[in-house]
Amino acid sequence: MSLPDLLASAVGEEDVAAHVDLGGEDALAVTPTRTLVYRSDGLLSDETVETYPHGAERVDVSEGRRKTKITLDRGLDGEETITIPAKRTDDALHPILAGVLSAAGVTDPGESVISTFRFSELTLIITSDRLVKHIGSVVWDEEFEEFHYEDVTDLGFEEGTVATSVVLTLQDRQERFKTPNESAREVRETLTDAVCGYHGVESPAELRAVREQEAEAEAADADAEASADGSPDFGVGVDPLSASPAADAEADAETDSGTDAPMESMGRNGDGETQSAGSGDPLAPESSDTASRATTTDRAGADASDSTASEETVPASSERGAGSSRSGSRQAGSANATMNATSETGDGAAARGDADGDRSARDADASGETAAMDADFGDSGFEPAGVTDDDLAEEVAALRAAVEKQADRLDEQATLIEQLIEELRRGR
């Protein structure tokens, strides 16, 4: 990765964690402690490097049609805004957020930020050790939640019509949040790979099995520790020490007196046989009744489902009587027109003869006047106005040269305008 000399000098000995092309020769470089924006020479600015430290309390993003503004809120120290092209928003925001989380102590040294997702007012940041969730209009601030993968016992996804719910099962609770269906697959694969990679398993099912085995092992260890906490043993042949000597003496006295009690309590019956004082049979079996109850539940479900012209014709009519009268009138008019045309033929020929004579006279007069004007110009030294072929060719060549020169200037202006638009899109 080659950096411009001015940007490389500003970076110094730090490692460049990310490099983003902003268009043209402009670039954005992210180090563990700061973000640097390089602007090359252009119509609006000279070659510059701007530095933005990662110590921020809040990160806000404002997207426009051509530009995106990433604002770093530093509390009492004010705000700083990084302007980048709109199409480079995700590429630049991801490393900047990683640097801000590291500077804020949210992520540990060596912990990598895998991916960043923004859904309206929900931001998910998936790292190699935890999931960071933020809800609000800003992308990130101090009111965030984090879930460590070491506390995750299960991971599930519930697909819906519009969104997919992510179910994150922790040791003591469940965490649910929804992602749009168009991004649900990417979120699912990224989060699953991160959680399973942390626990060294291949799938969420294997993660559940491992967690169950760990829980059983912990329960067995707890039982073993409880059994080991019994009465102390001091060896064979030695009576253990009693915690209550008075109780032991009383028990021995009862034992001694109990040996004679059966003789006194026993009497003789009429046959001379001894009879026990008790009236019950010690060998009689005892009986007990037990009862069991069973409950069943029924489940029912129901499904639901959704679900030019008319024409009119008008007959034509004719009037025969009126038509006959009109036909007679037309015949009479035709006869009269023929007579008039015959009488006008002679008059028109005479008129045309007179007009031709007048035109010839006028042409002769005009020729005489032109000859007189030529004689006058010849005497005065002036020549009549006229355009020759050489003059016309020279004028056309001059016009062509002017048009070509104007076209070159228009091309230069178009190039400058395109460069200016590109620089404005890059956030200058």
Protein backbone atom coordinates (compact mmCIF):
# COMPACT_ATOMS: atom_id res chain seq x y z
CA MET A 1 0.00 0.00 0.00
CA SER A 2 1.60 3.22 -1.23
CA LEU A 3 0.79 6.46 0.57
CA PRO A 4 1.46 9.98 -0.74
CA ASP A 5 4.60 11.51 0.73
CA LEU A 6 2.74 14.12 2.77
CA LEU A 7 0.35 11.48 4.21
CA ALA A 8 3.16 9.04 4.95
CA SER A 9 5.01 11.79 6.80
CA ALA A 10 1.92 12.58 8.88
CA VAL A 11 1.37 8.90 9.78
CA GLY A 12 4.91 8.54 11.08
CA GLU A 13 5.76 5.30 12.88
CA GLU A 14 2.14 4.23 13.48
CA ASP A 15 0.63 1.22 11.75
CA VAL A 16 -2.04 1.94 9.17
CA ALA A 17 -5.01 -0.29 10.05
CA ALA A 18 -7.12 0.76 7.05
CA HIS A 19 -6.67 2.71 3.83
CA VAL A 20 -9.73 4.04 1.93
CA ASP A 21 -9.62 5.57 -1.56
CA LEU A 22 -11.78 8.71 -1.67
CA GLY A 23 -11.51 9.26 -5.42
CA GLY A 24 -8.80 10.85 -7.51
CA GLU A 25 -5.67 11.00 -5.38
CA ASP A 26 -7.55 11.72 -2.13
CA ALA A 27 -7.29 9.04 0.56
CA LEU A 28 -8.25 8.26 4.16
CA ALA A 29 -5.89 6.41 6.50
CA VAL A 30 -6.87 5.00 9.92
CA THR A 31 -4.33 4.23 12.63
CA PRO A 32 -5.04 2.84 16.13
CA THR A 33 -5.25 6.37 17.57
CA ARG A 34 -6.46 8.69 14.79
CA THR A 35 -7.91 9.12 11.32
CA LEU A 36 -6.03 11.08 8.66
CA VAL A 37 -7.64 12.54 5.50
CA TYR A 38 -5.36 13.44 2.57
CA ARG A 39 -6.44 15.99 -0.07
CA SER A 40 -4.40 16.33 -3.25
CA ASP A 41 -3.87 19.49 -5.30
CA GLY A 42 -7.05 20.70 -6.97
CA LEU A 43 -9.08 23.69 -8.07
CA LEU A 44 -10.41 24.35 -4.57
CA SER A 45 -7.51 23.47 -2.28
CA ASP A 46 -3.84 22.65 -2.12
CA GLU A 47 -2.30 19.39 -0.92
CA THR A 48 -3.27 18.96 2.75
CA VAL A 49 -3.59 16.35 5.52
CA GLU A 50 -6.23 16.66 8.26
CA THR A 51 -5.97 14.64 11.50
CA TYR A 52 -8.90 13.49 13.68
CA PRO A 53 -8.11 11.73 17.01
CA HIS A 54 -10.37 8.81 17.95
CA GLY A 55 -11.21 10.02 21.45
CA ALA A 56 -14.93 10.78 21.03
CA GLU A 57 -18.03 10.39 23.18
CA ARG A 58 -20.40 10.03 20.23
CA VAL A 59 -20.28 9.27 16.50
CA ASP A 60 -22.99 10.63 14.21
CA VAL A 61 -23.45 10.12 10.47
CA SER A 62 -25.34 12.46 8.11
CA GLU A 63 -25.73 11.12 4.58
CA GLY A 64 -26.53 13.25 1.55
CA ARG A 65 -26.91 12.51 -2.15
CA ARG A 66 -23.24 13.19 -2.90
CA LYS A 67 -21.53 13.69 0.48
CA THR A 68 -21.53 12.04 3.89
CA LYS A 69 -20.50 13.81 7.09
CA ILE A 70 -19.09 11.76 9.98
CA THR A 71 -19.16 13.84 13.15
CA LEU A 72 -16.98 13.04 16.16
CA ASP A 73 -18.47 14.62 19.31
CA ARG A 74 -15.80 15.21 21.95
CA GLY A 75 -18.06 16.68 24.63
CA LEU A 76 -16.61 19.87 26.07
CA ASP A 77 -13.87 19.86 23.43
CA GLY A 78 -16.38 20.40 20.62
CA GLU A 79 -17.07 18.50 17.44
CA GLU A 80 -15.09 17.58 14.34
CA THR A 81 -16.59 16.57 11.00
CA ILE A 82 -15.05 14.36 8.32
CA THR A 83 -16.55 14.87 4.83
CA ILE A 84 -16.27 12.00 2.38
CA PRO A 85 -18.04 10.90 -0.84
CA ALA A 86 -21.40 9.23 -0.18
CA LYS A 87 -20.38 6.04 -1.99
CA ARG A 88 -17.43 5.58 0.41
CA THR A 89 -19.51 5.86 3.61
CA ASP A 90 -19.44 2.22 4.74
CA ASP A 91 -15.78 1.76 3.77
CA ALA A 92 -14.70 4.72 5.90
CA LEU A 93 -17.14 4.39 8.82
CA HIS A 94 -16.13 0.83 9.72
CA PRO A 95 -12.44 1.52 10.56
CA ILE A 96 -13.31 4.86 12.20
CA LEU A 97 -15.79 3.15 14.54
CA ALA A 98 -13.22 0.47 15.33
CA GLY A 99 -10.75 3.15 16.34
CA VAL A 100 -13.32 4.99 18.48
CA LEU A 101 -14.33 1.77 20.30
CA SER A 102 -10.69 0.96 20.98
CA ALA A 103 -9.99 4.46 22.29
CA ALA A 104 -13.08 4.28 24.55
CA GLY A 105 -11.97 0.96 26.04
CA VAL A 106 -14.96 -0.98 24.67
CA THR A 107 -12.73 -3.43 22.79
CA ASP A 108 -9.56 -4.99 24.20
CA PRO A 109 -6.11 -4.81 22.62
CA GLY A 110 -5.86 -7.39 19.86
CA GLU A 111 -9.64 -7.61 19.46
CA SER A 112 -10.65 -7.00 15.86
CA VAL A 113 -13.86 -5.40 14.59
CA ILE A 114 -15.26 -7.79 11.98
CA SER A 115 -18.25 -5.92 10.59
CA THR A 116 -20.55 -2.95 11.18
CA PHE A 117 -24.28 -2.88 10.34
CA ARG A 118 -26.56 0.17 10.42
CA PHE A 119 -30.35 -0.29 10.26
CA SER A 120 -32.28 2.95 10.74
CA GLU A 121 -31.85 3.47 14.52
CA LEU A 122 -30.07 0.17 15.22
CA THR A 123 -26.31 -0.26 14.97
CA LEU A 124 -24.63 -3.67 15.33
CA ILE A 125 -20.86 -3.95 15.66
CA ILE A 126 -19.57 -7.54 15.51
CA THR A 127 -16.08 -8.06 16.89
CA SER A 128 -14.04 -11.19 17.46
CA ASP A 129 -15.00 -11.29 21.18
CA ARG A 130 -18.35 -9.52 21.57
CA LEU A 131 -21.44 -8.01 19.98
CA VAL A 132 -21.98 -4.27 20.54
CA LYS A 133 -25.54 -2.99 20.06
CA HIS A 134 -26.64 0.64 20.02
CA ILE A 135 -30.17 1.99 19.59
CA GLY A 136 -30.69 5.65 18.71
CA SER A 137 -30.40 8.28 16.00
CA VAL A 138 -26.60 8.42 16.32
CA VAL A 139 -24.39 5.52 15.33
CA TRP A 140 -22.69 5.16 18.70
CA ASP A 141 -22.51 6.84 22.09
CA GLU A 142 -21.97 5.80 25.71
CA GLU A 143 -25.49 4.33 25.99
CA PHE A 144 -24.60 1.03 24.32
CA GLU A 145 -24.95 -2.67 25.18
CA GLU A 146 -22.37 -5.39 24.74
CA PHE A 147 -22.68 -9.19 24.85
CA HIS A 148 -19.56 -11.29 25.36
CA TYR A 149 -19.36 -14.53 23.43
CA GLU A 150 -18.15 -16.40 26.50
CA ASP A 151 -21.64 -15.92 28.03
CA VAL A 152 -23.47 -17.15 24.91
CA THR A 153 -24.99 -20.63 25.24
CA ASP A 154 -27.13 -20.67 22.10
CA LEU A 155 -27.74 -18.68 18.94
CA GLY A 156 -30.92 -18.74 16.84
CA PHE A 157 -32.73 -16.83 14.10
CA GLU A 158 -36.49 -16.47 13.56
CA GLU A 159 -37.49 -15.37 10.07
CA GLY A 160 -40.47 -13.06 9.56
CA THR A 161 -42.23 -11.37 6.67
CA VAL A 162 -40.30 -8.11 6.88
CA ALA A 163 -37.55 -8.70 9.44
CA THR A 164 -35.60 -11.56 11.00
CA SER A 165 -35.20 -11.82 14.78
CA VAL A 166 -31.80 -12.70 16.19
CA VAL A 167 -32.13 -14.70 19.43
CA LEU A 168 -28.98 -14.59 21.55
CA THR A 169 -29.21 -16.93 24.56
CA LEU A 170 -26.95 -16.00 27.45
CA GLN A 171 -26.35 -17.79 30.73
CA ASP A 172 -29.10 -15.94 32.59
CA ARG A 173 -31.34 -14.41 29.90
CA GLN A 174 -32.23 -14.08 26.22
CA GLU A 175 -31.55 -11.07 24.02
CA ARG A 176 -33.67 -10.42 20.91
CA PHE A 177 -33.36 -7.82 18.17
CA LYS A 178 -34.61 -7.58 14.58
CA THR A 179 -32.74 -7.01 11.33
CA PRO A 180 -34.24 -6.30 7.88
CA ASN A 181 -34.61 -9.35 5.67
CA GLU A 182 -32.40 -7.89 2.94
CA SER A 183 -29.44 -7.87 5.34
CA ALA A 184 -30.47 -10.80 7.56
CA ARG A 185 -28.34 -13.38 5.74
CA GLU A 186 -25.16 -11.32 6.04
CA VAL A 187 -25.82 -10.66 9.73
CA ARG A 188 -26.56 -14.33 10.36
CA GLU A 189 -23.43 -15.65 8.69
CA THR A 190 -21.14 -13.01 10.22
CA LEU A 191 -22.45 -13.42 13.77
CA THR A 192 -22.54 -17.23 13.55
CA ASP A 193 -18.93 -17.39 12.33
CA ALA A 194 -17.79 -15.04 15.10
CA VAL A 195 -19.55 -16.91 17.94
CA CYS A 196 -18.64 -20.40 16.71
CA GLY A 197 -15.07 -19.35 16.03
CA TYR A 198 -14.75 -18.02 19.56
CA HIS A 199 -15.96 -21.34 21.07
CA GLY A 200 -14.14 -23.54 18.56
CA VAL A 201 -17.27 -25.25 17.17
CA GLU A 202 -18.72 -25.60 13.70
CA SER A 203 -22.38 -24.70 14.24
CA PRO A 204 -24.85 -23.42 16.87
CA ALA A 205 -26.11 -27.02 17.37
CA GLU A 206 -22.62 -28.12 18.31
CA LEU A 207 -22.36 -25.12 20.60
CA ARG A 208 -25.55 -26.22 22.41
CA ALA A 209 -24.20 -29.76 22.87
CA VAL A 210 -20.89 -28.50 24.25
CA ARG A 211 -22.67 -26.15 26.63
CA GLU A 212 -24.90 -28.99 27.91
CA GLN A 213 -21.89 -31.19 28.56
CA GLU A 214 -20.18 -28.38 30.42
CA ALA A 215 -23.30 -27.85 32.54
CA GLU A 216 -23.48 -31.59 33.42
CA ALA A 217 -19.79 -31.62 34.32
CA GLU A 218 -20.22 -28.61 36.57
CA ALA A 219 -23.20 -30.28 38.31
CA ALA A 220 -21.19 -33.48 38.89
CA ASP A 221 -18.30 -31.49 40.35
CA ALA A 222 -20.72 -29.68 42.68
CA ASP A 223 -22.14 -33.03 43.93
CA ALA A 224 -18.65 -34.39 44.52
CA GLU A 225 -17.69 -31.35 46.54
CA ALA A 226 -20.87 -31.68 48.61
CA SER A 227 -20.13 -35.35 49.37
CA ALA A 228 -16.58 -34.56 50.41
CA ASP A 229 -17.88 -32.19 53.11
CA GLY A 230 -19.26 -35.14 55.39
CA SER A 231 -18.21 -36.26 59.02
CA PRO A 232 -14.45 -36.65 59.59
CA ASP A 233 -12.94 -40.18 59.91
CA PHE A 234 -10.05 -40.71 62.36
CA GLY A 235 -9.15 -44.29 61.43
CA VAL A 236 -10.18 -47.89 62.35
CA GLY A 237 -10.32 -48.98 66.03
CA VAL A 238 -10.64 -45.53 67.45
CA ASP A 239 -14.06 -44.20 68.39
CA PRO A 240 -14.79 -40.84 66.89
CA LEU A 241 -15.09 -37.91 69.20
CA SER A 242 -18.65 -37.05 70.12
CA ALA A 243 -19.91 -33.56 69.81
CA SER A 244 -22.38 -34.09 72.78
CA PRO A 245 -21.12 -36.35 75.69
CA ALA A 246 -24.27 -35.76 77.79
CA ALA A 247 -26.50 -37.05 75.01
CA ASP A 248 -24.33 -40.15 74.67
CA ALA A 249 -24.55 -40.90 78.44
CA GLU A 250 -28.35 -40.58 78.39
CA ALA A 251 -28.56 -42.95 75.41
CA ASP A 252 -26.43 -45.56 77.25
CA ALA A 253 -28.70 -45.36 80.34
CA GLU A 254 -31.79 -45.97 78.26
CA THR A 255 -30.12 -48.97 76.68
CA ASP A 256 -29.31 -50.54 80.06
CA SER A 257 -32.83 -50.06 81.49
CA GLY A 258 -34.41 -51.36 78.34
CA THR A 259 -33.05 -54.90 78.85
CA ASP A 260 -35.35 -55.55 81.85
CA ALA A 261 -38.40 -53.80 80.54
CA PRO A 262 -39.66 -56.69 78.42
CA MET A 263 -39.70 -59.07 81.43
CA GLU A 264 -41.88 -56.71 83.45
CA SER A 265 -44.23 -55.91 80.66
CA MET A 266 -44.85 -59.53 79.88
CA GLY A 267 -47.61 -61.44 81.74
CA ARG A 268 -49.08 -64.90 81.60
CA ASN A 269 -52.39 -65.92 80.18
CA GLY A 270 -54.72 -68.50 81.46
CA ASP A 271 -52.80 -71.31 79.83
CA GLY A 272 -49.58 -70.19 81.48
CA GLU A 273 -48.05 -68.84 78.28
CA THR A 274 -46.39 -65.54 78.11
CA GLN A 275 -48.20 -62.85 76.15
CA SER A 276 -46.78 -59.65 74.73
CA ALA A 277 -48.20 -56.36 75.85
CA GLY A 278 -48.73 -55.24 72.29
CA SER A 279 -52.01 -56.18 70.63
CA GLY A 280 -50.89 -55.86 66.93
CA ASP A 281 -49.26 -58.39 64.63
CA PRO A 282 -45.75 -57.18 63.79
CA LEU A 283 -45.68 -59.38 60.69
CA ALA A 284 -48.90 -57.98 59.21
CA PRO A 285 -48.28 -56.27 55.89
CA GLU A 286 -49.12 -52.64 55.44
CA SER A 287 -51.10 -51.29 52.45
CA SER A 288 -51.19 -47.85 50.89
CA ASP A 289 -53.18 -46.26 48.08
CA THR A 290 -51.67 -44.02 45.38
CA ALA A 291 -53.36 -41.83 42.84
CA SER A 292 -52.13 -40.28 39.61
CA ARG A 293 -53.47 -37.57 37.47
CA ALA A 294 -52.89 -36.84 33.77
CA THR A 295 -53.71 -33.77 31.81
CA THR A 296 -53.73 -33.35 28.11
CA THR A 297 -53.75 -30.22 26.07
CA ASP A 298 -55.02 -29.76 22.63
CA ARG A 299 -53.63 -27.45 20.13
CA ALA A 300 -55.51 -25.90 17.35
CA GLY A 301 -54.52 -23.63 14.52
CA ALA A 302 -56.20 -21.76 11.84
CA ASP A 303 -54.96 -20.42 8.64
CA ALA A 304 -56.28 -17.46 6.74
CA SER A 305 -55.94 -16.44 3.09
CA ASP A 306 -56.48 -13.30 0.92
CA SER A 307 -57.50 -13.09 -1.80
CA THR A 308 -67.03 -0.90 -24.22
CA ALA A 309 -68.56 1.08 -27.07
CA SER A 310 -71.58 1.46 -29.12
CA GLU A 311 -72.04 3.02 -32.50
CA GLU A 312 -75.01 4.75 -34.00
CA THR A 313 -75.76 5.17 -37.67
CA VAL A 314 -78.03 7.72 -39.18
CA PRO A 315 -79.52 6.95 -42.61
CA ALA A 316 -79.12 9.56 -45.28
CA SER A 317 -82.14 11.09 -47.04
CA SER A 318 -82.52 12.74 -50.43
CA GLU A 319 -84.95 15.16 -51.92
CA ARG A 320 -85.71 14.37 -55.51
CA GLY A 321 -87.76 17.44 -56.39
CA ALA A 322 -85.17 19.91 -55.13
CA GLY A 323 -82.42 18.00 -56.92
CA SER A 324 -84.22 18.24 -60.28
CA SER A 325 -84.57 21.99 -60.00
CA ARG A 326 -80.91 22.44 -59.11
CA SER A 327 -79.87 20.35 -62.14
CA GLY A 328 -81.77 22.66 -64.46
CA SER A 329 -80.14 25.72 -62.97
CA ARG A 330 -76.65 24.20 -63.43
CA GLN A 331 -77.31 23.58 -67.17
CA ALA A 332 -78.38 27.18 -67.74
CA GLY A 333 -75.36 28.52 -65.90
CA SER A 334 -72.98 26.38 -68.01
CA ALA A 335 -74.34 27.79 -71.26
CA ASN A 336 -73.91 31.37 -70.09
CA ALA A 337 -70.34 30.70 -68.90
CA THR A 338 -69.39 29.32 -72.32
CA MET A 339 -70.59 32.44 -74.08
CA ASN A 340 -68.77 34.75 -71.68
CA ALA A 341 -65.49 32.84 -72.06
CA THR A 342 -65.68 33.13 -75.85
CA SER A 343 -66.18 36.86 -75.70
CA GLU A 344 -63.35 37.41 -73.26
CA THR A 345 -60.71 35.54 -75.27
CA GLY A 346 -60.16 38.37 -77.75
CA ASP A 347 -59.99 41.01 -75.03
CA GLY A 348 -57.39 39.05 -73.03
CA ALA A 349 -55.10 38.66 -76.04
CA ALA A 350 -55.18 42.39 -76.70
CA ALA A 351 -54.42 43.13 -73.06
CA ARG A 352 -51.46 40.78 -73.03
CA GLY A 353 -50.04 42.44 -76.14
CA ASP A 354 -50.15 45.85 -74.50
CA ALA A 355 -48.49 44.49 -71.30
CA ASP A 356 -45.63 42.94 -73.29
CA GLY A 357 -44.96 46.23 -75.03
CA ASP A 358 -44.82 48.13 -71.76
CA ARG A 359 -42.40 45.55 -70.24
CA SER A 360 -40.02 45.80 -73.19
CA ALA A 361 -39.95 49.58 -72.84
CA ARG A 362 -39.20 49.36 -69.14
CA ASP A 363 -36.33 46.90 -69.74
CA ALA A 364 -34.79 49.21 -72.30
CA ASP A 365 -34.96 52.15 -69.89
CA ALA A 366 -33.33 50.08 -67.08
CA SER A 367 -30.49 49.02 -69.39
CA GLY A 368 -29.86 52.62 -70.32
CA GLU A 369 -29.77 53.69 -66.67
CA THR A 370 -27.32 50.87 -65.76
CA ALA A 371 -25.00 51.85 -68.59
CA ALA A 372 -25.14 55.45 -67.42
CA MET A 373 -24.27 54.42 -63.82
CA ASP A 374 -21.32 52.35 -65.05
CA ALA A 375 -20.09 55.32 -67.03
CA ASP A 376 -20.42 57.52 -63.93
CA PHE A 377 -18.49 54.98 -61.66
CA GLY A 378 -15.78 54.72 -64.29
CA ASP A 379 -15.27 58.43 -64.34
CA SER A 380 -15.28 58.78 -60.50
CA GLY A 381 -12.83 55.92 -59.71
CA PHE A 382 -15.42 53.71 -57.83
CA GLU A 383 -16.30 50.14 -58.80
CA PRO A 384 -19.67 48.46 -58.38
CA ALA A 385 -20.09 46.17 -55.28
CA GLY A 386 -19.57 42.42 -55.84
CA VAL A 387 -18.24 39.20 -54.18
CA THR A 388 -15.65 37.06 -55.88
CA ASP A 389 -14.85 33.41 -55.21
CA ASP A 390 -11.51 34.22 -53.55
CA ASP A 391 -13.09 36.63 -51.09
CA LEU A 392 -15.75 34.07 -50.16
CA ALA A 393 -13.16 31.34 -49.58
CA GLU A 394 -11.08 33.59 -47.33
CA GLU A 395 -14.13 34.54 -45.24
CA VAL A 396 -15.21 30.91 -44.81
CA ALA A 397 -11.68 29.92 -43.73
CA ALA A 398 -11.62 32.69 -41.14
CA LEU A 399 -15.00 31.61 -39.78
CA ARG A 400 -13.87 27.97 -39.59
CA ALA A 401 -10.76 28.93 -37.63
CA ALA A 402 -12.84 30.99 -35.17
CA VAL A 403 -15.30 28.11 -34.65
CA GLU A 404 -12.52 25.60 -34.05
CA LYS A 405 -10.87 27.91 -31.53
CA GLN A 406 -14.19 28.38 -29.71
CA ALA A 407 -14.74 24.62 -29.66
CA ASP A 408 -11.33 24.09 -28.04
CA ARG A 409 -12.18 26.60 -25.36
CA LEU A 410 -15.51 24.89 -24.69
CA ASP A 411 -13.71 21.54 -24.31
CA GLU A 412 -11.31 23.06 -21.78
CA GLN A 413 -14.20 24.56 -19.82
CA ALA A 414 -16.03 21.23 -19.82
CA THR A 415 -12.93 19.50 -18.46
CA LEU A 416 -12.58 22.07 -15.69
CA ILE A 417 -16.26 21.76 -14.79
CA GLU A 418 -15.97 17.97 -14.57
CA GLN A 419 -12.91 18.29 -12.35
CA LEU A 420 -14.71 20.78 -10.12
CA ILE A 421 -17.73 18.47 -9.79
CA GLU A 422 -15.47 15.54 -8.90
CA GLU A 423 -13.67 17.56 -6.23
CA LEU A 424 -16.99 18.67 -4.76
CA ARG A 425 -18.15 15.05 -4.64
CA ARG A 426 -14.99 14.07 -2.77
CA GLY A 427 -15.99 16.46 0.01
CA ARG A 428 -13.82 19.46 -0.66
